C-alpha cells in the first residue's frame, strides 16, 4: 500500500507500506512450494529420512524458532532499500539518536520518499510491488542458502534483478530535467 501527500514546496511525500503479515505469507507459500517439490529419494533408503527432514526445514521458514532470523533479514533488506533510494529517503540525524541491536518486530515496514511534484502514481505502484518482492526473494535466498543450497541461486538471481531495477527506478523519481537553452 502507498500514500502520496502534497507538500507546500512543490514536492510530494510518498510513503510505501509493507505489511509484515503479507511478507510472511509469501515466504510461507514459497517455502511450502520449495519443500513440496524437493526430491526425497526412495522411501526404502536411509537417505530418504534425511531428505524428508530437509524438506520440513525449507517449509518451516516462518515458524517459531526461525522467525527471528527472518525478521532480522527483512529489517536489514528494508534498510538497504531505503539507502538504495537515497537521496529521496534521506533524513537528517536527530539529536539524541540512539541505535541498538534489539530485535525490532514491526507490524509494518515503511519507506518515505520526497519526490518531485510530477511523480507518477504508476511509479509508486511499481516500486511498492518491486520492493515487496525484493524483500521476499532476499529472505528466500538467505533461508535456502542454509536449508537447500542448490535452490538458493535462482532466488539470488531474482533478488539481484530486482535490486538492479530499484537502482534504475531512481531516474523515474527525479522528474523532468530542464536544461536552459544556451548556444555556448
C-alpha atoms as a PDB file:
ATOM      1  CA  UNK A   1       0.000   0.000   0.000  1.00  0.00           C
ATOM      2  CA  UNK A   2       1.209   3.515  -0.644  1.00  0.00           C
ATOM      3  CA  UNK A   3       0.136   7.037   0.191  1.00  0.00           C
ATOM      4  CA  UNK A   4       1.026  10.258  -1.608  1.00  0.00           C
ATOM      5  CA  UNK A   5       0.956  13.592   0.204  1.00  0.00           C
ATOM      6  CA  UNK A   6       1.340  17.033  -1.415  1.00  0.00           C
ATOM      7  CA  UNK A   7       3.964  19.253   0.197  1.00  0.00           C
ATOM      8  CA  UNK A   8       3.966  23.040   0.106  1.00  0.00           C
ATOM      9  CA  UNK A   9       7.336  23.331  -1.619  1.00  0.00           C
ATOM     10  CA  UNK A  10       6.366  21.685  -4.928  1.00  0.00           C
ATOM     11  CA  UNK A  11       7.286  18.175  -3.848  1.00  0.00           C
ATOM     12  CA  UNK A  12       5.350  15.125  -2.752  1.00  0.00           C
ATOM     13  CA  UNK A  13       5.924  12.658   0.026  1.00  0.00           C
ATOM     14  CA  UNK A  14       5.316   9.068  -0.995  1.00  0.00           C
ATOM     15  CA  UNK A  15       5.013   6.519   1.796  1.00  0.00           C
ATOM     16  CA  UNK A  16       5.292   2.873   0.800  1.00  0.00           C
ATOM     17  CA  UNK A  17       3.900   0.483   3.423  1.00  0.00           C
ATOM     18  CA  UNK A  18       4.707  -3.209   3.587  1.00  0.00           C
ATOM     19  CA  UNK A  19       2.688  -5.362   5.931  1.00  0.00           C
ATOM     20  CA  UNK A  20       4.721  -7.951   7.780  1.00  0.00           C
ATOM     21  CA  UNK A  21       1.829 -10.420   7.617  1.00  0.00           C
ATOM     22  CA  UNK A  22       1.813 -10.196   3.788  1.00  0.00           C
ATOM     23  CA  UNK A  23       5.585 -10.667   3.552  1.00  0.00           C
ATOM     24  CA  UNK A  24       5.463 -13.670   5.890  1.00  0.00           C
ATOM     25  CA  UNK A  25       2.516 -15.138   3.989  1.00  0.00           C
ATOM     26  CA  UNK A  26       4.502 -15.019   0.736  1.00  0.00           C
ATOM     27  CA  UNK A  27       7.503 -16.578   2.477  1.00  0.00           C
ATOM     28  CA  UNK A  28       5.258 -19.356   3.818  1.00  0.00           C
ATOM     29  CA  UNK A  29       3.877 -20.055   0.361  1.00  0.00           C
ATOM     30  CA  UNK A  30       7.260 -20.032  -1.387  1.00  0.00           C
ATOM     31  CA  UNK A  31       8.759 -22.160   1.389  1.00  0.00           C
ATOM     32  CA  UNK A  32       5.943 -24.674   1.096  1.00  0.00           C
ATOM     33  CA  UNK A  33       6.357 -24.967  -2.673  1.00  0.00           C
ATOM     34  CA  UNK A  34      10.167 -25.253  -2.454  1.00  0.00           C
ATOM     35  CA  UNK A  35       9.837 -28.011   0.133  1.00  0.00           C
ATOM     36  CA  UNK A  36       6.985 -29.745  -1.671  1.00  0.00           C
ATOM     37  CA  UNK A  37       8.923 -30.121  -4.907  1.00  0.00           C
ATOM     38  CA  UNK A  38      12.029 -31.468  -3.146  1.00  0.00           C
ATOM     39  CA  UNK A  39      13.066 -34.915  -4.184  1.00  0.00           C
ATOM     40  CA  UNK A  40      13.219 -37.030  -1.033  1.00  0.00           C
ATOM     41  CA  UNK A  41      14.535 -40.098  -2.824  1.00  0.00           C
ATOM     42  CA  UNK A  42      13.443 -43.692  -2.446  1.00  0.00           C
ATOM     43  CA  UNK A  43      11.417 -44.212   0.761  1.00  0.00           C
ATOM     44  CA  UNK A  44      13.169 -47.573   1.256  1.00  0.00           C
ATOM     45  CA  UNK A  45      16.565 -45.947   1.805  1.00  0.00           C
ATOM     46  CA  UNK A  46      18.169 -44.240   4.777  1.00  0.00           C
ATOM     47  CA  UNK A  47      18.782 -41.116   2.693  1.00  0.00           C
ATOM     48  CA  UNK A  48      15.014 -40.662   2.339  1.00  0.00           C
ATOM     49  CA  UNK A  49      14.624 -39.731   6.033  1.00  0.00           C
ATOM     50  CA  UNK A  50      17.456 -37.216   5.838  1.00  0.00           C
ATOM     51  CA  UNK A  51      15.937 -35.586   2.749  1.00  0.00           C
ATOM     52  CA  UNK A  52      12.475 -35.594   4.298  1.00  0.00           C
ATOM     53  CA  UNK A  53      13.876 -33.718   7.301  1.00  0.00           C
ATOM     54  CA  UNK A  54      15.407 -31.156   4.930  1.00  0.00           C
ATOM     55  CA  UNK A  55      12.015 -30.721   3.289  1.00  0.00           C
ATOM     56  CA  UNK A  56      10.363 -29.629   6.516  1.00  0.00           C
ATOM     57  CA  UNK A  57      13.295 -27.287   7.278  1.00  0.00           C
ATOM     58  CA  UNK A  58      12.627 -25.472   3.999  1.00  0.00           C
ATOM     59  CA  UNK A  59       8.887 -25.298   4.690  1.00  0.00           C
ATOM     60  CA  UNK A  60       9.287 -24.049   8.266  1.00  0.00           C
ATOM     61  CA  UNK A  61      10.765 -20.707   7.228  1.00  0.00           C
ATOM     62  CA  UNK A  62       8.357 -18.575   9.308  1.00  0.00           C
ATOM     63  CA  UNK A  63       7.762 -20.963  12.178  1.00  0.00           C
ATOM     64  CA  UNK A  64       8.669 -20.268  15.787  1.00  0.00           C
ATOM     65  CA  UNK A  65      12.399 -20.642  16.257  1.00  0.00           C
ATOM     66  CA  UNK A  66      13.097 -19.408  12.726  1.00  0.00           C
ATOM     67  CA  UNK A  67      11.063 -16.210  12.653  1.00  0.00           C
ATOM     68  CA  UNK A  68      13.667 -14.095  14.460  1.00  0.00           C
ATOM     69  CA  UNK A  69      16.246 -14.830  11.763  1.00  0.00           C
ATOM     70  CA  UNK A  70      13.704 -13.998   9.053  1.00  0.00           C
ATOM     71  CA  UNK A  71      12.799 -10.769  10.863  1.00  0.00           C
ATOM     72  CA  UNK A  72      16.430  -9.624  11.033  1.00  0.00           C
ATOM     73  CA  UNK A  73      16.826 -10.314   7.310  1.00  0.00           C
ATOM     74  CA  UNK A  74      13.648  -8.371   6.494  1.00  0.00           C
ATOM     75  CA  UNK A  75      14.790  -5.467   8.663  1.00  0.00           C
ATOM     76  CA  UNK A  76      18.219  -5.414   7.022  1.00  0.00           C
ATOM     77  CA  UNK A  77      16.912  -5.560   3.464  1.00  0.00           C
ATOM     78  CA  UNK A  78      14.359  -2.824   4.103  1.00  0.00           C
ATOM     79  CA  UNK A  79      17.171  -0.600   5.372  1.00  0.00           C
ATOM     80  CA  UNK A  80      19.135  -1.472   2.232  1.00  0.00           C
ATOM     81  CA  UNK A  81      16.145  -0.372   0.110  1.00  0.00           C
ATOM     82  CA  UNK A  82      15.919   2.938   1.962  1.00  0.00           C
ATOM     83  CA  UNK A  83      19.623   3.506   1.418  1.00  0.00           C
ATOM     84  CA  UNK A  84      19.365   2.500  -2.252  1.00  0.00           C
ATOM     85  CA  UNK A  85      16.693   5.179  -2.744  1.00  0.00           C
ATOM     86  CA  UNK A  86      18.858   7.900  -1.227  1.00  0.00           C
ATOM     87  CA  UNK A  87      18.564  10.967  -1.776  1.00  0.00           C
ATOM     88  CA  UNK A  88      14.749  10.562  -1.814  1.00  0.00           C
ATOM     89  CA  UNK A  89      14.696   8.876   1.583  1.00  0.00           C
ATOM     90  CA  UNK A  90      17.348  10.922   3.369  1.00  0.00           C
ATOM     91  CA  UNK A  91      16.521  12.269   6.789  1.00  0.00           C
ATOM     92  CA  UNK A  92      18.685  14.484   8.930  1.00  0.00           C
ATOM     93  CA  UNK A  93      20.181  12.860  12.010  1.00  0.00           C
ATOM     94  CA  UNK A  94      18.239  13.934  15.070  1.00  0.00           C
ATOM     95  CA  UNK A  95      19.752  14.899  18.392  1.00  0.00           C
ATOM     96  CA  UNK A  96      19.819  12.048  20.828  1.00  0.00           C
ATOM     97  CA  UNK A  97      19.548   9.350  18.147  1.00  0.00           C
ATOM     98  CA  UNK A  98      20.352   6.021  19.753  1.00  0.00           C
ATOM     99  CA  UNK A  99      20.597   2.751  17.906  1.00  0.00           C
ATOM    100  CA  UNK A 100      20.912  -0.759  19.289  1.00  0.00           C
ATOM    101  CA  UNK A 101      20.656  -4.311  18.044  1.00  0.00           C
ATOM    102  CA  UNK A 102      17.449  -5.243  19.885  1.00  0.00           C
ATOM    103  CA  UNK A 103      15.213  -7.190  17.511  1.00  0.00           C
ATOM    104  CA  UNK A 104      12.528  -4.928  16.034  1.00  0.00           C
ATOM    105  CA  UNK A 105       9.361  -6.838  15.149  1.00  0.00           C
ATOM    106  CA  UNK A 106       7.155  -4.250  13.378  1.00  0.00           C
ATOM    107  CA  UNK A 107       3.666  -4.907  12.018  1.00  0.00           C
ATOM    108  CA  UNK A 108       4.505  -2.661   9.065  1.00  0.00           C
ATOM    109  CA  UNK A 109       7.633  -1.566   7.279  1.00  0.00           C
ATOM    110  CA  UNK A 110       7.631   1.850   5.618  1.00  0.00           C
ATOM    111  CA  UNK A 111       9.731   3.795   3.167  1.00  0.00           C
ATOM    112  CA  UNK A 112       9.026   7.532   2.960  1.00  0.00           C
ATOM    113  CA  UNK A 113      10.366   9.402  -0.075  1.00  0.00           C
ATOM    114  CA  UNK A 114      10.327  13.073  -1.022  1.00  0.00           C
ATOM    115  CA  UNK A 115       9.894  13.284  -4.793  1.00  0.00           C
ATOM    116  CA  UNK A 116       9.146  15.905  -7.441  1.00  0.00           C
ATOM    117  CA  UNK A 117       5.617  17.189  -7.945  1.00  0.00           C
ATOM    118  CA  UNK A 118       5.264  15.335 -11.259  1.00  0.00           C
ATOM    119  CA  UNK A 119       5.994  11.945  -9.678  1.00  0.00           C
ATOM    120  CA  UNK A 120       3.784   9.266 -11.184  1.00  0.00           C
ATOM    121  CA  UNK A 121       1.236   7.162  -9.346  1.00  0.00           C
ATOM    122  CA  UNK A 122       2.252   4.221 -11.526  1.00  0.00           C
ATOM    123  CA  UNK A 123       5.865   4.550 -10.352  1.00  0.00           C
ATOM    124  CA  UNK A 124       4.737   4.382  -6.712  1.00  0.00           C
ATOM    125  CA  UNK A 125       2.688   1.284  -7.503  1.00  0.00           C
ATOM    126  CA  UNK A 126       5.634  -0.301  -9.326  1.00  0.00           C
ATOM    127  CA  UNK A 127       8.073   0.472  -6.504  1.00  0.00           C
ATOM    128  CA  UNK A 128       5.709  -0.985  -3.928  1.00  0.00           C
ATOM    129  CA  UNK A 129       5.477  -4.324  -5.774  1.00  0.00           C
ATOM    130  CA  UNK A 130       9.177  -4.359  -6.654  1.00  0.00           C
ATOM    131  CA  UNK A 131      10.327  -3.760  -3.082  1.00  0.00           C
ATOM    132  CA  UNK A 132       7.835  -6.284  -1.683  1.00  0.00           C
ATOM    133  CA  UNK A 133       9.257  -8.944  -3.995  1.00  0.00           C
ATOM    134  CA  UNK A 134      12.822  -7.855  -3.327  1.00  0.00           C
ATOM    135  CA  UNK A 135      12.286  -8.342   0.427  1.00  0.00           C
ATOM    136  CA  UNK A 136      10.698 -11.769  -0.023  1.00  0.00           C
ATOM    137  CA  UNK A 137      13.235 -13.003  -2.580  1.00  0.00           C
ATOM    138  CA  UNK A 138      16.147 -11.838  -0.407  1.00  0.00           C
ATOM    139  CA  UNK A 139      14.845 -13.779   2.589  1.00  0.00           C
ATOM    140  CA  UNK A 140      14.154 -16.856   0.441  1.00  0.00           C
ATOM    141  CA  UNK A 141      17.715 -16.718  -0.861  1.00  0.00           C
ATOM    142  CA  UNK A 142      19.162 -16.375   2.643  1.00  0.00           C
ATOM    143  CA  UNK A 143      16.959 -19.187   4.008  1.00  0.00           C
ATOM    144  CA  UNK A 144      17.649 -21.592   1.169  1.00  0.00           C
ATOM    145  CA  UNK A 145      21.388 -20.870   1.335  1.00  0.00           C
ATOM    146  CA  UNK A 146      21.167 -22.593   4.733  1.00  0.00           C
ATOM    147  CA  UNK A 147      18.494 -25.250   4.171  1.00  0.00           C
ATOM    148  CA  UNK A 148      18.685 -26.114   0.459  1.00  0.00           C
ATOM    149  CA  UNK A 149      21.803 -24.536  -1.085  1.00  0.00           C
ATOM    150  CA  UNK A 150      21.223 -25.980  -4.554  1.00  0.00           C
ATOM    151  CA  UNK A 151      17.983 -23.944  -4.837  1.00  0.00           C
ATOM    152  CA  UNK A 152      19.344 -20.670  -3.435  1.00  0.00           C
ATOM    153  CA  UNK A 153      20.955 -19.409  -6.664  1.00  0.00           C
ATOM    154  CA  UNK A 154      17.674 -18.863  -8.523  1.00  0.00           C
ATOM    155  CA  UNK A 155      16.341 -16.719  -5.646  1.00  0.00           C
ATOM    156  CA  UNK A 156      19.558 -14.728  -5.553  1.00  0.00           C
ATOM    157  CA  UNK A 157      19.299 -14.100  -9.299  1.00  0.00           C
ATOM    158  CA  UNK A 158      15.710 -12.832  -8.935  1.00  0.00           C
ATOM    159  CA  UNK A 159      16.696 -10.662  -5.975  1.00  0.00           C
ATOM    160  CA  UNK A 160      19.668  -9.180  -7.851  1.00  0.00           C
ATOM    161  CA  UNK A 161      17.448  -8.401 -10.851  1.00  0.00           C
ATOM    162  CA  UNK A 162      15.044  -6.598  -8.509  1.00  0.00           C
ATOM    163  CA  UNK A 163      17.952  -4.679  -6.932  1.00  0.00           C
ATOM    164  CA  UNK A 164      19.074  -3.546 -10.388  1.00  0.00           C
ATOM    165  CA  UNK A 165      15.511  -2.460 -11.215  1.00  0.00           C
ATOM    166  CA  UNK A 166      15.338  -0.477  -7.993  1.00  0.00           C
ATOM    167  CA  UNK A 167      18.587   1.287  -8.870  1.00  0.00           C
ATOM    168  CA  UNK A 168      17.228   2.110 -12.354  1.00  0.00           C
ATOM    169  CA  UNK A 169      13.964   3.373 -10.912  1.00  0.00           C
ATOM    170  CA  UNK A 170      15.765   6.254  -9.212  1.00  0.00           C
ATOM    171  CA  UNK A 171      15.785   8.080 -12.546  1.00  0.00           C
ATOM    172  CA  UNK A 172      11.971   7.970 -12.553  1.00  0.00           C
ATOM    173  CA  UNK A 173      11.827   9.613  -9.150  1.00  0.00           C
ATOM    174  CA  UNK A 174      13.587  12.839 -10.040  1.00  0.00           C
ATOM    175  CA  UNK A 175      11.081  14.187 -12.553  1.00  0.00           C
ATOM    176  CA  UNK A 176      11.863  16.044 -15.741  1.00  0.00           C
ATOM    177  CA  UNK A 177      15.271  17.569 -16.214  1.00  0.00           C
ATOM    178  CA  UNK A 178      15.078  21.101 -17.619  1.00  0.00           C
ATOM    179  CA  UNK A 179      18.147  22.450 -19.295  1.00  0.00           C
ATOM    180  CA  UNK A 180      18.411  26.087 -20.311  1.00  0.00           C
ATOM    181  CA  UNK A 181      18.808  26.806 -23.985  1.00  0.00           C
ATOM    182  CA  UNK A 182      22.281  28.253 -24.417  1.00  0.00           C
ATOM    183  CA  UNK A 183      24.188  28.021 -27.631  1.00  0.00           C
ATOM    184  CA  UNK A 184      27.577  28.172 -25.870  1.00  0.00           C
END
